[in-house]
Amino acid sequence: MKGFVIVNEKDNVATALQNFQKGQNIAGVILQEDIQSGHKFALKDINTKELVIKYAEAIAIASCDIKAGAWVHVHNTEGIRGRGDEQ
């Protein structure tokens, strides 16, 4: 088992299936910080306002620049699904 999931070639994030530590080379990127199991990390640089793609679907928008290997979570993304404030 490789320890992470990338479902589609369009994905710009992977999901960790185990805990990883900063500095590890996972999926061809050097992790910029520890990544806990179940959390996402960037497979490439993602620019501010660029879509975060998981399972070939847009799941969020980057709220700041995200470097390859960085943890991708609510601190650096904005949700785009089910937003009642945007119609």
PDB file of N, CA and C in Angstrom:
ATOM      1  N   MET A   1       0.850  -1.192   0.000  1.00  0.00           N
ATOM      2  CA  MET A   1       0.000   0.000   0.000  1.00  0.00           C
ATOM      3  C   MET A   1       0.888   1.245   0.000  1.00  0.00           C
ATOM      4  N   LYS A   2       0.509   2.224  -0.806  1.00  0.00           N
ATOM      5  CA  LYS A   2       1.336   3.413  -0.941  1.00  0.00           C
ATOM      6  C   LYS A   2       1.081   4.469   0.125  1.00  0.00           C
ATOM      7  N   GLY A   3      -0.023   4.389   0.855  1.00  0.00           N
ATOM      8  CA  GLY A   3      -0.241   5.301   1.974  1.00  0.00           C
ATOM      9  C   GLY A   3      -0.949   6.602   1.647  1.00  0.00           C
ATOM     10  N   PHE A   4      -1.404   6.754   0.408  1.00  0.00           N
ATOM     11  CA  PHE A   4      -2.139   7.956   0.011  1.00  0.00           C
ATOM     12  C   PHE A   4      -3.058   7.608  -1.150  1.00  0.00           C
ATOM     13  N   VAL A   5      -4.030   8.493  -1.398  1.00  0.00           N
ATOM     14  CA  VAL A   5      -4.979   8.278  -2.486  1.00  0.00           C
ATOM     15  C   VAL A   5      -4.947   9.459  -3.439  1.00  0.00           C
ATOM     16  N   ILE A   6      -4.754   9.148  -4.714  1.00  0.00           N
ATOM     17  CA  ILE A   6      -4.957  10.094  -5.816  1.00  0.00           C
ATOM     18  C   ILE A   6      -5.890   9.357  -6.767  1.00  0.00           C
ATOM     19  N   VAL A   7      -7.078   9.874  -6.970  1.00  0.00           N
ATOM     20  CA  VAL A   7      -8.083   9.155  -7.752  1.00  0.00           C
ATOM     21  C   VAL A   7      -8.013   9.476  -9.238  1.00  0.00           C
ATOM     22  N   ASN A   8      -7.681  10.718  -9.570  1.00  0.00           N
ATOM     23  CA  ASN A   8      -7.740  11.152 -10.959  1.00  0.00           C
ATOM     24  C   ASN A   8      -6.520  11.992 -11.285  1.00  0.00           C
ATOM     25  N   GLU A   9      -6.077  11.932 -12.514  1.00  0.00           N
ATOM     26  CA  GLU A   9      -4.911  12.721 -12.927  1.00  0.00           C
ATOM     27  C   GLU A   9      -5.151  14.222 -12.832  1.00  0.00           C
ATOM     28  N   LYS A  10      -6.415  14.647 -12.767  1.00  0.00           N
ATOM     29  CA  LYS A  10      -6.733  16.070 -12.610  1.00  0.00           C
ATOM     30  C   LYS A  10      -6.557  16.557 -11.179  1.00  0.00           C
ATOM     31  N   ASP A  11      -6.506  15.639 -10.209  1.00  0.00           N
ATOM     32  CA  ASP A  11      -6.408  16.015  -8.798  1.00  0.00           C
ATOM     33  C   ASP A  11      -5.131  16.817  -8.530  1.00  0.00           C
ATOM     34  N   ASN A  12      -5.273  17.886  -7.757  1.00  0.00           N
ATOM     35  CA  ASN A  12      -4.090  18.635  -7.339  1.00  0.00           C
ATOM     36  C   ASN A  12      -3.834  18.478  -5.839  1.00  0.00           C
ATOM     37  N   VAL A  13      -4.599  17.588  -5.206  1.00  0.00           N
ATOM     38  CA  VAL A  13      -4.358  17.188  -3.826  1.00  0.00           C
ATOM     39  C   VAL A  13      -4.443  15.671  -3.729  1.00  0.00           C
ATOM     40  N   ALA A  14      -3.771  15.124  -2.715  1.00  0.00           N
ATOM     41  CA  ALA A  14      -3.864  13.704  -2.388  1.00  0.00           C
ATOM     42  C   ALA A  14      -4.344  13.596  -0.951  1.00  0.00           C
ATOM     43  N   THR A  15      -4.929  12.476  -0.603  1.00  0.00           N
ATOM     44  CA  THR A  15      -5.371  12.230   0.762  1.00  0.00           C
ATOM     45  C   THR A  15      -4.458  11.194   1.403  1.00  0.00           C
ATOM     46  N   ALA A  16      -3.924  11.550   2.568  1.00  0.00           N
ATOM     47  CA  ALA A  16      -3.051  10.639   3.306  1.00  0.00           C
ATOM     48  C   ALA A  16      -3.870   9.527   3.942  1.00  0.00           C
ATOM     49  N   LEU A  17      -3.387   8.294   3.846  1.00  0.00           N
ATOM     50  CA  LEU A  17      -4.023   7.147   4.481  1.00  0.00           C
ATOM     51  C   LEU A  17      -3.266   6.724   5.739  1.00  0.00           C
ATOM     52  N   GLN A  18      -2.214   7.454   6.042  1.00  0.00           N
ATOM     53  CA  GLN A  18      -1.415   7.230   7.236  1.00  0.00           C
ATOM     54  C   GLN A  18      -0.761   8.560   7.592  1.00  0.00           C
ATOM     55  N   ASN A  19      -0.191   8.650   8.768  1.00  0.00           N
ATOM     56  CA  ASN A  19       0.508   9.868   9.158  1.00  0.00           C
ATOM     57  C   ASN A  19       1.832   9.965   8.414  1.00  0.00           C
ATOM     58  N   PHE A  20       2.131  11.158   7.915  1.00  0.00           N
ATOM     59  CA  PHE A  20       3.407  11.429   7.253  1.00  0.00           C
ATOM     60  C   PHE A  20       4.102  12.575   7.973  1.00  0.00           C
ATOM     61  N   GLN A  21       5.406  12.627   7.845  1.00  0.00           N
ATOM     62  CA  GLN A  21       6.176  13.669   8.507  1.00  0.00           C
ATOM     63  C   GLN A  21       6.800  14.631   7.501  1.00  0.00           C
ATOM     64  N   LYS A  22       6.931  15.863   7.948  1.00  0.00           N
ATOM     65  CA  LYS A  22       7.573  16.906   7.155  1.00  0.00           C
ATOM     66  C   LYS A  22       8.890  16.373   6.605  1.00  0.00           C
ATOM     67  N   GLY A  23       9.136  16.667   5.328  1.00  0.00           N
ATOM     68  CA  GLY A  23      10.381  16.262   4.688  1.00  0.00           C
ATOM     69  C   GLY A  23      10.301  14.949   3.929  1.00  0.00           C
ATOM     70  N   GLN A  24       9.259  14.162   4.172  1.00  0.00           N
ATOM     71  CA  GLN A  24       9.111  12.921   3.422  1.00  0.00           C
ATOM     72  C   GLN A  24       8.749  13.232   1.970  1.00  0.00           C
ATOM     73  N   ASN A  25       9.235  12.380   1.068  1.00  0.00           N
ATOM     74  CA  ASN A  25       8.868  12.471  -0.344  1.00  0.00           C
ATOM     75  C   ASN A  25       7.699  11.527  -0.564  1.00  0.00           C
ATOM     76  N   ILE A  26       6.513  12.118  -0.728  1.00  0.00           N
ATOM     77  CA  ILE A  26       5.289  11.338  -0.902  1.00  0.00           C
ATOM     78  C   ILE A  26       4.634  11.791  -2.202  1.00  0.00           C
ATOM     79  N   ALA A  27       4.313  10.864  -3.056  1.00  0.00           N
ATOM     80  CA  ALA A  27       3.663  11.138  -4.348  1.00  0.00           C
ATOM     81  C   ALA A  27       4.486  12.120  -5.186  1.00  0.00           C
ATOM     82  N   GLY A  28       5.801  12.080  -5.020  1.00  0.00           N
ATOM     83  CA  GLY A  28       6.670  12.935  -5.825  1.00  0.00           C
ATOM     84  C   GLY A  28       6.827  14.352  -5.315  1.00  0.00           C
ATOM     85  N   VAL A  29       6.323  14.649  -4.112  1.00  0.00           N
ATOM     86  CA  VAL A  29       6.505  15.984  -3.523  1.00  0.00           C
ATOM     87  C   VAL A  29       7.105  15.836  -2.125  1.00  0.00           C
ATOM     88  N   ILE A  30       7.891  16.823  -1.732  1.00  0.00           N
ATOM     89  CA  ILE A  30       8.449  16.861  -0.387  1.00  0.00           C
ATOM     90  C   ILE A  30       7.440  17.552   0.524  1.00  0.00           C
ATOM     91  N   LEU A  31       7.004  16.866   1.554  1.00  0.00           N
ATOM     92  CA  LEU A  31       6.010  17.446   2.457  1.00  0.00           C
ATOM     93  C   LEU A  31       6.589  18.640   3.208  1.00  0.00           C
ATOM     94  N   GLN A  32       5.834  19.725   3.237  1.00  0.00           N
ATOM     95  CA  GLN A  32       6.242  20.972   3.881  1.00  0.00           C
ATOM     96  C   GLN A  32       5.912  20.984   5.372  1.00  0.00           C
ATOM     97  N   GLU A  33       5.072  20.036   5.796  1.00  0.00           N
ATOM     98  CA  GLU A  33       4.674  19.935   7.202  1.00  0.00           C
ATOM     99  C   GLU A  33       4.146  18.528   7.444  1.00  0.00           C
ATOM    100  N   ASP A  34       3.951  18.176   8.708  1.00  0.00           N
ATOM    101  CA  ASP A  34       3.362  16.881   9.032  1.00  0.00           C
ATOM    102  C   ASP A  34       1.948  16.817   8.464  1.00  0.00           C
ATOM    103  N   ILE A  35       1.571  15.664   7.943  1.00  0.00           N
ATOM    104  CA  ILE A  35       0.230  15.439   7.401  1.00  0.00           C
ATOM    105  C   ILE A  35      -0.366  14.251   8.137  1.00  0.00           C
ATOM    106  N   GLN A  36      -1.503  14.462   8.761  1.00  0.00           N
ATOM    107  CA  GLN A  36      -2.183  13.401   9.500  1.00  0.00           C
ATOM    108  C   GLN A  36      -3.039  12.559   8.555  1.00  0.00           C
ATOM    109  N   SER A  37      -3.221  11.308   8.924  1.00  0.00           N
ATOM    110  CA  SER A  37      -4.071  10.400   8.159  1.00  0.00           C
ATOM    111  C   SER A  37      -5.452  11.018   7.962  1.00  0.00           C
ATOM    112  N   GLY A  38      -5.958  10.943   6.726  1.00  0.00           N
ATOM    113  CA  GLY A  38      -7.266  11.491   6.398  1.00  0.00           C
ATOM    114  C   GLY A  38      -7.231  12.919   5.912  1.00  0.00           C
ATOM    115  N   HIS A  39      -6.068  13.558   5.987  1.00  0.00           N
ATOM    116  CA  HIS A  39      -5.954  14.947   5.554  1.00  0.00           C
ATOM    117  C   HIS A  39      -5.318  15.021   4.173  1.00  0.00           C
ATOM    118  N   LYS A  40      -5.514  16.167   3.529  1.00  0.00           N
ATOM    119  CA  LYS A  40      -5.037  16.380   2.165  1.00  0.00           C
ATOM    120  C   LYS A  40      -3.713  17.144   2.153  1.00  0.00           C
ATOM    121  N   PHE A  41      -2.928  16.897   1.104  1.00  0.00           N
ATOM    122  CA  PHE A  41      -1.720  17.687   0.848  1.00  0.00           C
ATOM    123  C   PHE A  41      -1.659  18.002  -0.641  1.00  0.00           C
ATOM    124  N   ALA A  42      -1.045  19.139  -0.934  1.00  0.00           N
ATOM    125  CA  ALA A  42      -0.980  19.614  -2.312  1.00  0.00           C
ATOM    126  C   ALA A  42       0.044  18.819  -3.115  1.00  0.00           C
ATOM    127  N   LEU A  43      -0.346  18.425  -4.307  1.00  0.00           N
ATOM    128  CA  LEU A  43       0.542  17.713  -5.220  1.00  0.00           C
ATOM    129  C   LEU A  43       1.348  18.665  -6.094  1.00  0.00           C
ATOM    130  N   LYS A  44       0.904  19.908  -6.170  1.00  0.00           N
ATOM    131  CA  LYS A  44       1.587  20.949  -6.946  1.00  0.00           C
ATOM    132  C   LYS A  44       1.263  22.271  -6.281  1.00  0.00           C
ATOM    133  N   ASP A  45       1.947  23.319  -6.678  1.00  0.00           N
ATOM    134  CA  ASP A  45       1.603  24.648  -6.180  1.00  0.00           C
ATOM    135  C   ASP A  45       0.182  24.983  -6.625  1.00  0.00           C
ATOM    136  N   ILE A  46      -0.607  25.509  -5.705  1.00  0.00           N
ATOM    137  CA  ILE A  46      -1.976  25.936  -5.993  1.00  0.00           C
ATOM    138  C   ILE A  46      -2.046  27.419  -5.661  1.00  0.00           C
ATOM    139  N   ASN A  47      -2.353  28.227  -6.643  1.00  0.00           N
ATOM    140  CA  ASN A  47      -2.374  29.677  -6.458  1.00  0.00           C
ATOM    141  C   ASN A  47      -3.663  30.152  -5.789  1.00  0.00           C
ATOM    142  N   THR A  48      -3.591  31.304  -5.163  1.00  0.00           N
ATOM    143  CA  THR A  48      -4.770  31.920  -4.556  1.00  0.00           C
ATOM    144  C   THR A  48      -5.902  31.979  -5.579  1.00  0.00           C
ATOM    145  N   LYS A  49      -7.092  31.602  -5.165  1.00  0.00           N
ATOM    146  CA  LYS A  49      -8.320  31.574  -5.979  1.00  0.00           C
ATOM    147  C   LYS A  49      -8.360  30.436  -6.996  1.00  0.00           C
ATOM    148  N   GLU A  50      -7.342  29.599  -7.038  1.00  0.00           N
ATOM    149  CA  GLU A  50      -7.361  28.424  -7.907  1.00  0.00           C
ATOM    150  C   GLU A  50      -8.204  27.336  -7.248  1.00  0.00           C
ATOM    151  N   LEU A  51      -8.878  26.538  -8.055  1.00  0.00           N
ATOM    152  CA  LEU A  51      -9.694  25.454  -7.527  1.00  0.00           C
ATOM    153  C   LEU A  51      -8.835  24.348  -6.927  1.00  0.00           C
ATOM    154  N   VAL A  52      -9.285  23.804  -5.825  1.00  0.00           N
ATOM    155  CA  VAL A  52      -8.694  22.610  -5.226  1.00  0.00           C
ATOM    156  C   VAL A  52      -9.483  21.433  -5.793  1.00  0.00           C
ATOM    157  N   ILE A  53      -8.774  20.495  -6.428  1.00  0.00           N
ATOM    158  CA  ILE A  53      -9.413  19.390  -7.141  1.00  0.00           C
ATOM    159  C   ILE A  53      -9.093  18.068  -6.438  1.00  0.00           C
ATOM    160  N   LYS A  54     -10.155  17.348  -6.049  1.00  0.00           N
ATOM    161  CA  LYS A  54     -10.031  16.028  -5.436  1.00  0.00           C
ATOM    162  C   LYS A  54     -11.082  15.139  -6.087  1.00  0.00           C
ATOM    163  N   TYR A  55     -10.703  13.928  -6.476  1.00  0.00           N
ATOM    164  CA  TYR A  55     -11.605  13.011  -7.182  1.00  0.00           C
ATOM    165  C   TYR A  55     -12.121  13.640  -8.474  1.00  0.00           C
ATOM    166  N   ALA A  56     -11.287  14.449  -9.132  1.00  0.00           N
ATOM    167  CA  ALA A  56     -11.606  15.142 -10.385  1.00  0.00           C
ATOM    168  C   ALA A  56     -12.722  16.167 -10.222  1.00  0.00           C
ATOM    169  N   GLU A  57     -13.035  16.550  -9.000  1.00  0.00           N
ATOM    170  CA  GLU A  57     -14.092  17.525  -8.709  1.00  0.00           C
ATOM    171  C   GLU A  57     -13.517  18.702  -7.920  1.00  0.00           C
ATOM    172  N   ALA A  58     -14.017  19.895  -8.218  1.00  0.00           N
ATOM    173  CA  ALA A  58     -13.631  21.073  -7.440  1.00  0.00           C
ATOM    174  C   ALA A  58     -14.290  20.968  -6.068  1.00  0.00           C
ATOM    175  N   ILE A  59     -13.479  21.005  -5.007  1.00  0.00           N
ATOM    176  CA  ILE A  59     -14.018  20.892  -3.651  1.00  0.00           C
ATOM    177  C   ILE A  59     -13.870  22.181  -2.848  1.00  0.00           C
ATOM    178  N   ALA A  60     -13.019  23.096  -3.333  1.00  0.00           N
ATOM    179  CA  ALA A  60     -12.759  24.339  -2.607  1.00  0.00           C
ATOM    180  C   ALA A  60     -11.980  25.278  -3.518  1.00  0.00           C
ATOM    181  N   ILE A  61     -11.750  26.489  -3.010  1.00  0.00           N
ATOM    182  CA  ILE A  61     -10.894  27.470  -3.669  1.00  0.00           C
ATOM    183  C   ILE A  61      -9.773  27.821  -2.695  1.00  0.00           C
ATOM    184  N   ALA A  62      -8.566  27.908  -3.194  1.00  0.00           N
ATOM    185  CA  ALA A  62      -7.435  28.287  -2.341  1.00  0.00           C
ATOM    186  C   ALA A  62      -7.608  29.729  -1.873  1.00  0.00           C
ATOM    187  N   SER A  63      -7.531  29.951  -0.565  1.00  0.00           N
ATOM    188  CA  SER A  63      -7.664  31.301  -0.014  1.00  0.00           C
ATOM    189  C   SER A  63      -6.317  32.016   0.062  1.00  0.00           C
ATOM    190  N   CYS A  64      -5.240  31.284  -0.247  1.00  0.00           N
ATOM    191  CA  CYS A  64      -3.889  31.840  -0.304  1.00  0.00           C
ATOM    192  C   CYS A  64      -3.068  30.898  -1.182  1.00  0.00           C
ATOM    193  N   ASP A  65      -1.857  31.293  -1.495  1.00  0.00           N
ATOM    194  CA  ASP A  65      -0.990  30.394  -2.245  1.00  0.00           C
ATOM    195  C   ASP A  65      -0.666  29.178  -1.378  1.00  0.00           C
ATOM    196  N   ILE A  66      -0.746  27.996  -1.980  1.00  0.00           N
ATOM    197  CA  ILE A  66      -0.452  26.747  -1.283  1.00  0.00           C
ATOM    198  C   ILE A  66       0.690  26.073  -2.032  1.00  0.00           C
ATOM    199  N   LYS A  67       1.769  25.823  -1.353  1.00  0.00           N
ATOM    200  CA  LYS A  67       2.933  25.197  -1.976  1.00  0.00           C
ATOM    201  C   LYS A  67       2.749  23.684  -2.072  1.00  0.00           C
ATOM    202  N   ALA A  68       3.355  23.082  -3.075  1.00  0.00           N
ATOM    203  CA  ALA A  68       3.355  21.627  -3.195  1.00  0.00           C
ATOM    204  C   ALA A  68       3.882  21.032  -1.902  1.00  0.00           C
ATOM    205  N   GLY A  69       3.189  20.019  -1.388  1.00  0.00           N
ATOM    206  CA  GLY A  69       3.598  19.363  -0.155  1.00  0.00           C
ATOM    207  C   GLY A  69       3.010  19.963   1.101  1.00  0.00           C
ATOM    208  N   ALA A  70       2.233  21.041   0.965  1.00  0.00           N
ATOM    209  CA  ALA A  70       1.625  21.688   2.128  1.00  0.00           C
ATOM    210  C   ALA A  70       0.302  21.014   2.481  1.00  0.00           C
ATOM    211  N   TRP A  71      -0.061  21.101   3.747  1.00  0.00           N
ATOM    212  CA  TRP A  71      -1.347  20.610   4.242  1.00  0.00           C
ATOM    213  C   TRP A  71      -2.445  21.477   3.637  1.00  0.00           C
ATOM    214  N   VAL A  72      -3.491  20.876   3.118  1.00  0.00           N
ATOM    215  CA  VAL A  72      -4.621  21.590   2.529  1.00  0.00           C
ATOM    216  C   VAL A  72      -5.832  21.330   3.417  1.00  0.00           C
ATOM    217  N   HIS A  73      -6.336  22.412   4.022  1.00  0.00           N
ATOM    218  CA  HIS A  73      -7.439  22.284   4.972  1.00  0.00           C
ATOM    219  C   HIS A  73      -8.151  23.633   5.065  1.00  0.00           C
ATOM    220  N   VAL A  74      -8.975  23.820   6.075  1.00  0.00           N
ATOM    221  CA  VAL A  74      -9.797  25.029   6.182  1.00  0.00           C
ATOM    222  C   VAL A  74      -8.970  26.304   6.387  1.00  0.00           C
ATOM    223  N   HIS A  75      -7.733  26.189   6.816  1.00  0.00           N
ATOM    224  CA  HIS A  75      -6.899  27.371   7.046  1.00  0.00           C
ATOM    225  C   HIS A  75      -6.385  27.996   5.747  1.00  0.00           C
ATOM    226  N   ASN A  76      -6.451  27.260   4.641  1.00  0.00           N
ATOM    227  CA  ASN A  76      -5.947  27.811   3.381  1.00  0.00           C
ATOM    228  C   ASN A  76      -6.899  27.575   2.197  1.00  0.00           C
ATOM    229  N   THR A  77      -8.167  27.250   2.516  1.00  0.00           N
ATOM    230  CA  THR A  77      -9.177  27.083   1.470  1.00  0.00           C
ATOM    231  C   THR A  77     -10.495  27.727   1.889  1.00  0.00           C
ATOM    232  N   GLU A  78     -11.336  27.946   0.904  1.00  0.00           N
ATOM    233  CA  GLU A  78     -12.709  28.391   1.124  1.00  0.00           C
ATOM    234  C   GLU A  78     -13.616  27.366   0.466  1.00  0.00           C
ATOM    235  N   GLY A  79     -14.648  26.933   1.184  1.00  0.00           N
ATOM    236  CA  GLY A  79     -15.597  25.980   0.623  1.00  0.00           C
ATOM    237  C   GLY A  79     -16.392  26.607  -0.515  1.00  0.00           C
ATOM    238  N   ILE A  80     -16.795  25.786  -1.464  1.00  0.00           N
ATOM    239  CA  ILE A  80     -17.593  26.282  -2.589  1.00  0.00           C
ATOM    240  C   ILE A  80     -18.901  25.520  -2.731  1.00  0.00           C
ATOM    241  N   ARG A  81     -19.121  24.530  -1.894  1.00  0.00           N
ATOM    242  CA  ARG A  81     -20.329  23.715  -1.983  1.00  0.00           C
ATOM    243  C   ARG A  81     -21.308  24.104  -0.890  1.00  0.00           C
ATOM    244  N   GLY A  82     -22.574  24.142  -1.253  1.00  0.00           N
ATOM    245  CA  GLY A  82     -23.608  24.400  -0.276  1.00  0.00           C
ATOM    246  C   GLY A  82     -23.543  25.775   0.362  1.00  0.00           C
ATOM    247  N   ARG A  83     -23.027  26.767  -0.359  1.00  0.00           N
ATOM    248  CA  ARG A  83     -22.894  28.115   0.165  1.00  0.00           C
ATOM    249  C   ARG A  83     -24.214  28.843  -0.008  1.00  0.00           C
ATOM    250  N   GLY A  84     -24.921  29.072   1.082  1.00  0.00           N
ATOM    251  CA  GLY A  84     -26.190  29.793   1.028  1.00  0.00           C
ATOM    252  C   GLY A  84     -26.029  31.287   0.815  1.00  0.00           C
ATOM    253  N   ASP A  85     -24.799  31.796   1.017  1.00  0.00           N
ATOM    254  CA  ASP A  85     -24.560  33.233   0.866  1.00  0.00           C
ATOM    255  C   ASP A  85     -24.220  33.628  -0.571  1.00  0.00           C
ATOM    256  N   GLU A  86     -23.984  32.635  -1.440  1.00  0.00           N
ATOM    257  CA  GLU A  86     -23.662  32.940  -2.843  1.00  0.00           C
ATOM    258  C   GLU A  86     -24.648  32.197  -3.736  1.00  0.00           C
ATOM    259  N   GLN A  87     -25.373  32.945  -4.563  1.00  0.00           N
ATOM    260  CA  GLN A  87     -26.360  32.308  -5.410  1.00  0.00           C
ATOM    261  C   GLN A  87     -26.233  32.748  -6.837  1.00  0.00           C
TER     262      GLN A  87
END
